[in-house]
Amino acid sequence: MSSISANDLKTRGISAIEAALANDSEALISVRGKNRFVVMPLEQFQYLRECELEAALAQTKADLAEGRFVKSSPEEHLERLKSGGDA
């Protein structure tokens, strides 16, 4: 994975990001020698978001199949939230 220093980003701007992403799908941005941020092309970010949504859907389906859910009215749900119970 490529790395860009904050100083390089400050002086070169977007061209530093474009150069780093020319050969990699992500690049680290370091600030004072510590990796702090990751940049990536929008398409890569959208793909990762889709993966997150697919994982959430799979988890929800598994919870439903295993009976890990509560069926209640909106009022009962709000009361559970107020009392600190499971949502």
PDB file of N, CA and C in Angstrom:
ATOM      1  N   MET A   1       0.856  -1.170   0.000  1.00  0.00           N
ATOM      2  CA  MET A   1       0.000   0.000   0.000  1.00  0.00           C
ATOM      3  C   MET A   1       0.903   1.234   0.000  1.00  0.00           C
ATOM      4  N   SER A   2       0.575   2.174  -0.834  1.00  0.00           N
ATOM      5  CA  SER A   2       1.333   3.420  -0.918  1.00  0.00           C
ATOM      6  C   SER A   2       1.111   4.274   0.323  1.00  0.00           C
ATOM      7  N   SER A   3       2.046   5.168   0.556  1.00  0.00           N
ATOM      8  CA  SER A   3       1.948   6.071   1.692  1.00  0.00           C
ATOM      9  C   SER A   3       2.242   7.499   1.220  1.00  0.00           C
ATOM     10  N   ILE A   4       1.488   8.435   1.763  1.00  0.00           N
ATOM     11  CA  ILE A   4       1.651   9.851   1.444  1.00  0.00           C
ATOM     12  C   ILE A   4       1.811  10.585   2.764  1.00  0.00           C
ATOM     13  N   SER A   5       2.825  11.414   2.870  1.00  0.00           N
ATOM     14  CA  SER A   5       2.956  12.205   4.095  1.00  0.00           C
ATOM     15  C   SER A   5       2.020  13.413   4.002  1.00  0.00           C
ATOM     16  N   ALA A   6       1.619  13.895   5.142  1.00  0.00           N
ATOM     17  CA  ALA A   6       0.750  15.073   5.169  1.00  0.00           C
ATOM     18  C   ALA A   6       1.434  16.251   4.490  1.00  0.00           C
ATOM     19  N   ASN A   7       2.741  16.356   4.665  1.00  0.00           N
ATOM     20  CA  ASN A   7       3.484  17.443   4.035  1.00  0.00           C
ATOM     21  C   ASN A   7       3.451  17.314   2.513  1.00  0.00           C
ATOM     22  N   ASP A   8       3.639  16.078   2.009  1.00  0.00           N
ATOM     23  CA  ASP A   8       3.573  15.843   0.568  1.00  0.00           C
ATOM     24  C   ASP A   8       2.183  16.185   0.044  1.00  0.00           C
ATOM     25  N   LEU A   9       1.179  15.815   0.797  1.00  0.00           N
ATOM     26  CA  LEU A   9      -0.195  16.133   0.400  1.00  0.00           C
ATOM     27  C   LEU A   9      -0.413  17.644   0.383  1.00  0.00           C
ATOM     28  N   LYS A  10       0.160  18.326   1.354  1.00  0.00           N
ATOM     29  CA  LYS A  10       0.029  19.780   1.436  1.00  0.00           C
ATOM     30  C   LYS A  10       0.698  20.463   0.241  1.00  0.00           C
ATOM     31  N   THR A  11       1.866  19.981  -0.137  1.00  0.00           N
ATOM     32  CA  THR A  11       2.604  20.651  -1.218  1.00  0.00           C
ATOM     33  C   THR A  11       2.154  20.224  -2.611  1.00  0.00           C
ATOM     34  N   ARG A  12       1.810  18.932  -2.757  1.00  0.00           N
ATOM     35  CA  ARG A  12       1.461  18.438  -4.091  1.00  0.00           C
ATOM     36  C   ARG A  12      -0.031  18.319  -4.332  1.00  0.00           C
ATOM     37  N   GLY A  13      -0.824  18.321  -3.262  1.00  0.00           N
ATOM     38  CA  GLY A  13      -2.266  18.259  -3.403  1.00  0.00           C
ATOM     39  C   GLY A  13      -2.759  16.941  -3.989  1.00  0.00           C
ATOM     40  N   ILE A  14      -3.788  17.040  -4.796  1.00  0.00           N
ATOM     41  CA  ILE A  14      -4.454  15.866  -5.359  1.00  0.00           C
ATOM     42  C   ILE A  14      -3.508  15.043  -6.230  1.00  0.00           C
ATOM     43  N   SER A  15      -2.496  15.667  -6.801  1.00  0.00           N
ATOM     44  CA  SER A  15      -1.559  14.903  -7.636  1.00  0.00           C
ATOM     45  C   SER A  15      -0.802  13.870  -6.804  1.00  0.00           C
ATOM     46  N   ALA A  16      -0.568  14.138  -5.524  1.00  0.00           N
ATOM     47  CA  ALA A  16       0.075  13.159  -4.644  1.00  0.00           C
ATOM     48  C   ALA A  16      -0.826  11.941  -4.461  1.00  0.00           C
ATOM     49  N   ILE A  17      -2.119  12.186  -4.319  1.00  0.00           N
ATOM     50  CA  ILE A  17      -3.076  11.084  -4.174  1.00  0.00           C
ATOM     51  C   ILE A  17      -3.163  10.300  -5.476  1.00  0.00           C
ATOM     52  N   GLU A  18      -3.269  11.001  -6.589  1.00  0.00           N
ATOM     53  CA  GLU A  18      -3.367  10.320  -7.884  1.00  0.00           C
ATOM     54  C   GLU A  18      -2.138   9.454  -8.142  1.00  0.00           C
ATOM     55  N   ALA A  19      -0.957   9.959  -7.810  1.00  0.00           N
ATOM     56  CA  ALA A  19       0.268   9.186  -8.016  1.00  0.00           C
ATOM     57  C   ALA A  19       0.284   7.946  -7.121  1.00  0.00           C
ATOM     58  N   ALA A  20      -0.137   8.094  -5.880  1.00  0.00           N
ATOM     59  CA  ALA A  20      -0.151   6.967  -4.954  1.00  0.00           C
ATOM     60  C   ALA A  20      -1.154   5.900  -5.383  1.00  0.00           C
ATOM     61  N   LEU A  21      -2.271   6.328  -5.959  1.00  0.00           N
ATOM     62  CA  LEU A  21      -3.306   5.384  -6.364  1.00  0.00           C
ATOM     63  C   LEU A  21      -3.094   4.827  -7.765  1.00  0.00           C
ATOM     64  N   ALA A  22      -2.036   5.256  -8.438  1.00  0.00           N
ATOM     65  CA  ALA A  22      -1.768   4.757  -9.783  1.00  0.00           C
ATOM     66  C   ALA A  22      -1.488   3.258  -9.777  1.00  0.00           C
ATOM     67  N   ASN A  23      -0.885   2.759  -8.706  1.00  0.00           N
ATOM     68  CA  ASN A  23      -0.525   1.343  -8.644  1.00  0.00           C
ATOM     69  C   ASN A  23      -1.198   0.579  -7.510  1.00  0.00           C
ATOM     70  N   ASP A  24      -1.922   1.263  -6.652  1.00  0.00           N
ATOM     71  CA  ASP A  24      -2.571   0.629  -5.503  1.00  0.00           C
ATOM     72  C   ASP A  24      -4.028   1.070  -5.423  1.00  0.00           C
ATOM     73  N   SER A  25      -4.852   0.241  -4.765  1.00  0.00           N
ATOM     74  CA  SER A  25      -6.264   0.593  -4.615  1.00  0.00           C
ATOM     75  C   SER A  25      -6.509   1.482  -3.402  1.00  0.00           C
ATOM     76  N   GLU A  26      -5.511   1.604  -2.523  1.00  0.00           N
ATOM     77  CA  GLU A  26      -5.618   2.466  -1.349  1.00  0.00           C
ATOM     78  C   GLU A  26      -4.254   3.082  -1.065  1.00  0.00           C
ATOM     79  N   ALA A  27      -4.275   4.189  -0.360  1.00  0.00           N
ATOM     80  CA  ALA A  27      -3.019   4.822   0.059  1.00  0.00           C
ATOM     81  C   ALA A  27      -3.196   5.357   1.478  1.00  0.00           C
ATOM     82  N   LEU A  28      -2.164   5.186   2.276  1.00  0.00           N
ATOM     83  CA  LEU A  28      -2.166   5.713   3.639  1.00  0.00           C
ATOM     84  C   LEU A  28      -1.674   7.146   3.633  1.00  0.00           C
ATOM     85  N   ILE A  29      -2.240   7.955   4.494  1.00  0.00           N
ATOM     86  CA  ILE A  29      -1.753   9.312   4.700  1.00  0.00           C
ATOM     87  C   ILE A  29      -1.192   9.361   6.120  1.00  0.00           C
ATOM     88  N   SER A  30       0.076   9.712   6.214  1.00  0.00           N
ATOM     89  CA  SER A  30       0.714   9.768   7.531  1.00  0.00           C
ATOM     90  C   SER A  30       0.849  11.216   7.976  1.00  0.00           C
ATOM     91  N   VAL A  31       0.629  11.403   9.258  1.00  0.00           N
ATOM     92  CA  VAL A  31       0.759  12.720   9.882  1.00  0.00           C
ATOM     93  C   VAL A  31       1.778  12.584  11.004  1.00  0.00           C
ATOM     94  N   ARG A  32       2.855  13.345  10.899  1.00  0.00           N
ATOM     95  CA  ARG A  32       3.954  13.292  11.874  1.00  0.00           C
ATOM     96  C   ARG A  32       4.463  11.868  12.067  1.00  0.00           C
ATOM     97  N   GLY A  33       4.566  11.143  10.946  1.00  0.00           N
ATOM     98  CA  GLY A  33       5.120   9.797  10.970  1.00  0.00           C
ATOM     99  C   GLY A  33       4.172   8.680  11.363  1.00  0.00           C
ATOM    100  N   LYS A  34       2.910   9.013  11.663  1.00  0.00           N
ATOM    101  CA  LYS A  34       1.934   7.992  12.056  1.00  0.00           C
ATOM    102  C   LYS A  34       0.830   7.914  11.006  1.00  0.00           C
ATOM    103  N   ASN A  35       0.494   6.682  10.593  1.00  0.00           N
ATOM    104  CA  ASN A  35      -0.600   6.503   9.641  1.00  0.00           C
ATOM    105  C   ASN A  35      -1.906   6.926  10.287  1.00  0.00           C
ATOM    106  N   ARG A  36      -2.626   7.831   9.611  1.00  0.00           N
ATOM    107  CA  ARG A  36      -3.853   8.383  10.194  1.00  0.00           C
ATOM    108  C   ARG A  36      -5.078   8.205   9.312  1.00  0.00           C
ATOM    109  N   PHE A  37      -4.894   8.213   7.994  1.00  0.00           N
ATOM    110  CA  PHE A  37      -6.034   8.181   7.080  1.00  0.00           C
ATOM    111  C   PHE A  37      -5.757   7.236   5.927  1.00  0.00           C
ATOM    112  N   VAL A  38      -6.836   6.833   5.255  1.00  0.00           N
ATOM    113  CA  VAL A  38      -6.732   6.029   4.044  1.00  0.00           C
ATOM    114  C   VAL A  38      -7.545   6.729   2.966  1.00  0.00           C
ATOM    115  N   VAL A  39      -6.980   6.818   1.779  1.00  0.00           N
ATOM    116  CA  VAL A  39      -7.727   7.344   0.634  1.00  0.00           C
ATOM    117  C   VAL A  39      -7.826   6.233  -0.399  1.00  0.00           C
ATOM    118  N   MET A  40      -8.901   6.271  -1.160  1.00  0.00           N
ATOM    119  CA  MET A  40      -9.126   5.266  -2.192  1.00  0.00           C
ATOM    120  C   MET A  40     -10.050   5.846  -3.250  1.00  0.00           C
ATOM    121  N   PRO A  41     -10.057   5.233  -4.425  1.00  0.00           N
ATOM    122  CA  PRO A  41     -10.987   5.689  -5.459  1.00  0.00           C
ATOM    123  C   PRO A  41     -12.436   5.487  -4.990  1.00  0.00           C
ATOM    124  N   LEU A  42     -13.321   6.314  -5.466  1.00  0.00           N
ATOM    125  CA  LEU A  42     -14.726   6.235  -5.069  1.00  0.00           C
ATOM    126  C   LEU A  42     -15.309   4.855  -5.358  1.00  0.00           C
ATOM    127  N   GLU A  43     -14.935   4.249  -6.464  1.00  0.00           N
ATOM    128  CA  GLU A  43     -15.464   2.927  -6.820  1.00  0.00           C
ATOM    129  C   GLU A  43     -15.084   1.887  -5.770  1.00  0.00           C
ATOM    130  N   GLN A  44     -13.862   1.968  -5.258  1.00  0.00           N
ATOM    131  CA  GLN A  44     -13.416   1.048  -4.211  1.00  0.00           C
ATOM    132  C   GLN A  44     -14.218   1.272  -2.937  1.00  0.00           C
ATOM    133  N   PHE A  45     -14.450   2.519  -2.579  1.00  0.00           N
ATOM    134  CA  PHE A  45     -15.240   2.840  -1.388  1.00  0.00           C
ATOM    135  C   PHE A  45     -16.662   2.301  -1.533  1.00  0.00           C
ATOM    136  N   GLN A  46     -17.273   2.506  -2.701  1.00  0.00           N
ATOM    137  CA  GLN A  46     -18.636   2.019  -2.930  1.00  0.00           C
ATOM    138  C   GLN A  46     -18.696   0.498  -2.840  1.00  0.00           C
ATOM    139  N   TYR A  47     -17.673  -0.176  -3.366  1.00  0.00           N
ATOM    140  CA  TYR A  47     -17.613  -1.630  -3.276  1.00  0.00           C
ATOM    141  C   TYR A  47     -17.558  -2.069  -1.800  1.00  0.00           C
ATOM    142  N   LEU A  48     -16.730  -1.412  -1.001  1.00  0.00           N
ATOM    143  CA  LEU A  48     -16.638  -1.760   0.415  1.00  0.00           C
ATOM    144  C   LEU A  48     -17.951  -1.510   1.145  1.00  0.00           C
ATOM    145  N   ARG A  49     -18.635  -0.430   0.797  1.00  0.00           N
ATOM    146  CA  ARG A  49     -19.948  -0.157   1.405  1.00  0.00           C
ATOM    147  C   ARG A  49     -20.946  -1.250   1.048  1.00  0.00           C
ATOM    148  N   GLU A  50     -20.926  -1.701  -0.205  1.00  0.00           N
ATOM    149  CA  GLU A  50     -21.799  -2.800  -0.613  1.00  0.00           C
ATOM    150  C   GLU A  50     -21.495  -4.054   0.190  1.00  0.00           C
ATOM    151  N   CYS A  51     -20.218  -4.328   0.417  1.00  0.00           N
ATOM    152  CA  CYS A  51     -19.827  -5.493   1.217  1.00  0.00           C
ATOM    153  C   CYS A  51     -20.369  -5.377   2.635  1.00  0.00           C
ATOM    154  N   GLU A  52     -20.288  -4.193   3.218  1.00  0.00           N
ATOM    155  CA  GLU A  52     -20.822  -3.972   4.561  1.00  0.00           C
ATOM    156  C   GLU A  52     -22.319  -4.222   4.606  1.00  0.00           C
ATOM    157  N   LEU A  53     -23.030  -3.727   3.590  1.00  0.00           N
ATOM    158  CA  LEU A  53     -24.476  -3.915   3.549  1.00  0.00           C
ATOM    159  C   LEU A  53     -24.842  -5.382   3.357  1.00  0.00           C
ATOM    160  N   GLU A  54     -24.087  -6.092   2.519  1.00  0.00           N
ATOM    161  CA  GLU A  54     -24.324  -7.526   2.322  1.00  0.00           C
ATOM    162  C   GLU A  54     -24.088  -8.290   3.621  1.00  0.00           C
ATOM    163  N   ALA A  55     -23.042  -7.927   4.356  1.00  0.00           N
ATOM    164  CA  ALA A  55     -22.751  -8.583   5.630  1.00  0.00           C
ATOM    165  C   ALA A  55     -23.858  -8.313   6.646  1.00  0.00           C
ATOM    166  N   ALA A  56     -24.350  -7.085   6.682  1.00  0.00           N
ATOM    167  CA  ALA A  56     -25.441  -6.735   7.605  1.00  0.00           C
ATOM    168  C   ALA A  56     -26.704  -7.514   7.251  1.00  0.00           C
ATOM    169  N   LEU A  57     -26.984  -7.644   5.967  1.00  0.00           N
ATOM    170  CA  LEU A  57     -28.158  -8.399   5.536  1.00  0.00           C
ATOM    171  C   LEU A  57     -28.014  -9.873   5.920  1.00  0.00           C
ATOM    172  N   ALA A  58     -26.835 -10.446   5.716  1.00  0.00           N
ATOM    173  CA  ALA A  58     -26.602 -11.844   6.084  1.00  0.00           C
ATOM    174  C   ALA A  58     -26.765 -12.040   7.591  1.00  0.00           C
ATOM    175  N   GLN A  59     -26.261 -11.089   8.388  1.00  0.00           N
ATOM    176  CA  GLN A  59     -26.406 -11.183   9.836  1.00  0.00           C
ATOM    177  C   GLN A  59     -27.865 -11.088  10.251  1.00  0.00           C
ATOM    178  N   THR A  60     -28.607 -10.205   9.610  1.00  0.00           N
ATOM    179  CA  THR A  60     -30.035 -10.066   9.912  1.00  0.00           C
ATOM    180  C   THR A  60     -30.781 -11.344   9.585  1.00  0.00           C
ATOM    181  N   LYS A  61     -30.491 -11.940   8.424  1.00  0.00           N
ATOM    182  CA  LYS A  61     -31.145 -13.194   8.048  1.00  0.00           C
ATOM    183  C   LYS A  61     -30.807 -14.299   9.043  1.00  0.00           C
ATOM    184  N   ALA A  62     -29.554 -14.354   9.488  1.00  0.00           N
ATOM    185  CA  ALA A  62     -29.151 -15.359  10.475  1.00  0.00           C
ATOM    186  C   ALA A  62     -29.874 -15.129  11.800  1.00  0.00           C
ATOM    187  N   ASP A  63     -29.979 -13.873  12.232  1.00  0.00           N
ATOM    188  CA  ASP A  63     -30.700 -13.556  13.468  1.00  0.00           C
ATOM    189  C   ASP A  63     -32.160 -13.993  13.368  1.00  0.00           C
ATOM    190  N   LEU A  64     -32.791 -13.718  12.247  1.00  0.00           N
ATOM    191  CA  LEU A  64     -34.190 -14.128  12.059  1.00  0.00           C
ATOM    192  C   LEU A  64     -34.315 -15.647  12.079  1.00  0.00           C
ATOM    193  N   ALA A  65     -33.419 -16.343  11.385  1.00  0.00           N
ATOM    194  CA  ALA A  65     -33.474 -17.803  11.328  1.00  0.00           C
ATOM    195  C   ALA A  65     -33.267 -18.435  12.701  1.00  0.00           C
ATOM    196  N   GLU A  66     -32.446 -17.808  13.549  1.00  0.00           N
ATOM    197  CA  GLU A  66     -32.144 -18.338  14.879  1.00  0.00           C
ATOM    198  C   GLU A  66     -33.084 -17.802  15.957  1.00  0.00           C
ATOM    199  N   GLY A  67     -34.044 -16.976  15.576  1.00  0.00           N
ATOM    200  CA  GLY A  67     -34.997 -16.452  16.547  1.00  0.00           C
ATOM    201  C   GLY A  67     -34.441 -15.357  17.435  1.00  0.00           C
ATOM    202  N   ARG A  68     -33.366 -14.703  17.001  1.00  0.00           N
ATOM    203  CA  ARG A  68     -32.764 -13.628  17.802  1.00  0.00           C
ATOM    204  C   ARG A  68     -33.405 -12.293  17.431  1.00  0.00           C
ATOM    205  N   PHE A  69     -34.664 -12.138  17.808  1.00  0.00           N
ATOM    206  CA  PHE A  69     -35.372 -10.894  17.561  1.00  0.00           C
ATOM    207  C   PHE A  69     -36.506 -10.776  18.567  1.00  0.00           C
ATOM    208  N   VAL A  70     -37.044  -9.587  18.680  1.00  0.00           N
ATOM    209  CA  VAL A  70     -38.162  -9.323  19.576  1.00  0.00           C
ATOM    210  C   VAL A  70     -39.287  -8.741  18.742  1.00  0.00           C
ATOM    211  N   LYS A  71     -40.461  -9.290  18.920  1.00  0.00           N
ATOM    212  CA  LYS A  71     -41.633  -8.774  18.216  1.00  0.00           C
ATOM    213  C   LYS A  71     -42.455  -7.983  19.237  1.00  0.00           C
ATOM    214  N   SER A  72     -42.660  -6.689  18.929  1.00  0.00           N
ATOM    215  CA  SER A  72     -43.386  -5.846  19.872  1.00  0.00           C
ATOM    216  C   SER A  72     -43.993  -4.657  19.139  1.00  0.00           C
ATOM    217  N   SER A  73     -44.847  -3.957  19.846  1.00  0.00           N
ATOM    218  CA  SER A  73     -45.453  -2.739  19.297  1.00  0.00           C
ATOM    219  C   SER A  73     -44.447  -1.602  19.409  1.00  0.00           C
ATOM    220  N   PRO A  74     -44.673  -0.519  18.685  1.00  0.00           N
ATOM    221  CA  PRO A  74     -43.778   0.640  18.823  1.00  0.00           C
ATOM    222  C   PRO A  74     -43.710   1.149  20.267  1.00  0.00           C
ATOM    223  N   GLU A  75     -44.838   1.126  20.952  1.00  0.00           N
ATOM    224  CA  GLU A  75     -44.877   1.593  22.337  1.00  0.00           C
ATOM    225  C   GLU A  75     -44.027   0.688  23.238  1.00  0.00           C
ATOM    226  N   GLU A  76     -44.144  -0.621  23.037  1.00  0.00           N
ATOM    227  CA  GLU A  76     -43.346  -1.559  23.829  1.00  0.00           C
ATOM    228  C   GLU A  76     -41.850  -1.381  23.543  1.00  0.00           C
ATOM    229  N   HIS A  77     -41.538  -1.134  22.289  1.00  0.00           N
ATOM    230  CA  HIS A  77     -40.142  -0.913  21.898  1.00  0.00           C
ATOM    231  C   HIS A  77     -39.584   0.332  22.590  1.00  0.00           C
ATOM    232  N   LEU A  78     -40.335   1.421  22.565  1.00  0.00           N
ATOM    233  CA  LEU A  78     -39.891   2.650  23.217  1.00  0.00           C
ATOM    234  C   LEU A  78     -39.720   2.457  24.717  1.00  0.00           C
ATOM    235  N   GLU A  79     -40.622   1.703  25.328  1.00  0.00           N
ATOM    236  CA  GLU A  79     -40.520   1.440  26.760  1.00  0.00           C
ATOM    237  C   GLU A  79     -39.266   0.627  27.071  1.00  0.00           C
ATOM    238  N   ARG A  80     -38.953  -0.359  26.224  1.00  0.00           N
ATOM    239  CA  ARG A  80     -37.718  -1.139  26.395  1.00  0.00           C
ATOM    240  C   ARG A  80     -36.490  -0.255  26.283  1.00  0.00           C
ATOM    241  N   LEU A  81     -36.512   0.697  25.342  1.00  0.00           N
ATOM    242  CA  LEU A  81     -35.394   1.623  25.197  1.00  0.00           C
ATOM    243  C   LEU A  81     -35.230   2.499  26.433  1.00  0.00           C
ATOM    244  N   LYS A  82     -36.347   2.994  26.948  1.00  0.00           N
ATOM    245  CA  LYS A  82     -36.302   3.848  28.144  1.00  0.00           C
ATOM    246  C   LYS A  82     -35.773   3.117  29.364  1.00  0.00           C
ATOM    247  N   SER A  83     -36.119   1.820  29.454  1.00  0.00           N
ATOM    248  CA  SER A  83     -35.707   1.052  30.633  1.00  0.00           C
ATOM    249  C   SER A  83     -34.307   0.462  30.488  1.00  0.00           C
ATOM    250  N   GLY A  84     -33.685   0.701  29.332  1.00  0.00           N
ATOM    251  CA  GLY A  84     -32.326   0.204  29.123  1.00  0.00           C
ATOM    252  C   GLY A  84     -32.245  -1.229  28.675  1.00  0.00           C
ATOM    253  N   GLY A  85     -33.369  -1.810  28.282  1.00  0.00           N
ATOM    254  CA  GLY A  85     -33.372  -3.199  27.816  1.00  0.00           C
ATOM    255  C   GLY A  85     -32.872  -3.285  26.380  1.00  0.00           C
ATOM    256  N   ASP A  86     -32.749  -4.513  25.882  1.00  0.00           N
ATOM    257  CA  ASP A  86     -32.312  -4.727  24.499  1.00  0.00           C
ATOM    258  C   ASP A  86     -33.299  -4.103  23.541  1.00  0.00           C
ATOM    259  N   ALA A  87     -32.752  -3.503  22.490  1.00  0.00           N
ATOM    260  CA  ALA A  87     -33.591  -2.822  21.502  1.00  0.00           C
ATOM    261  C   ALA A  87     -34.229  -3.810  20.638  1.00  0.00           C
TER     262      ALA A  87
END
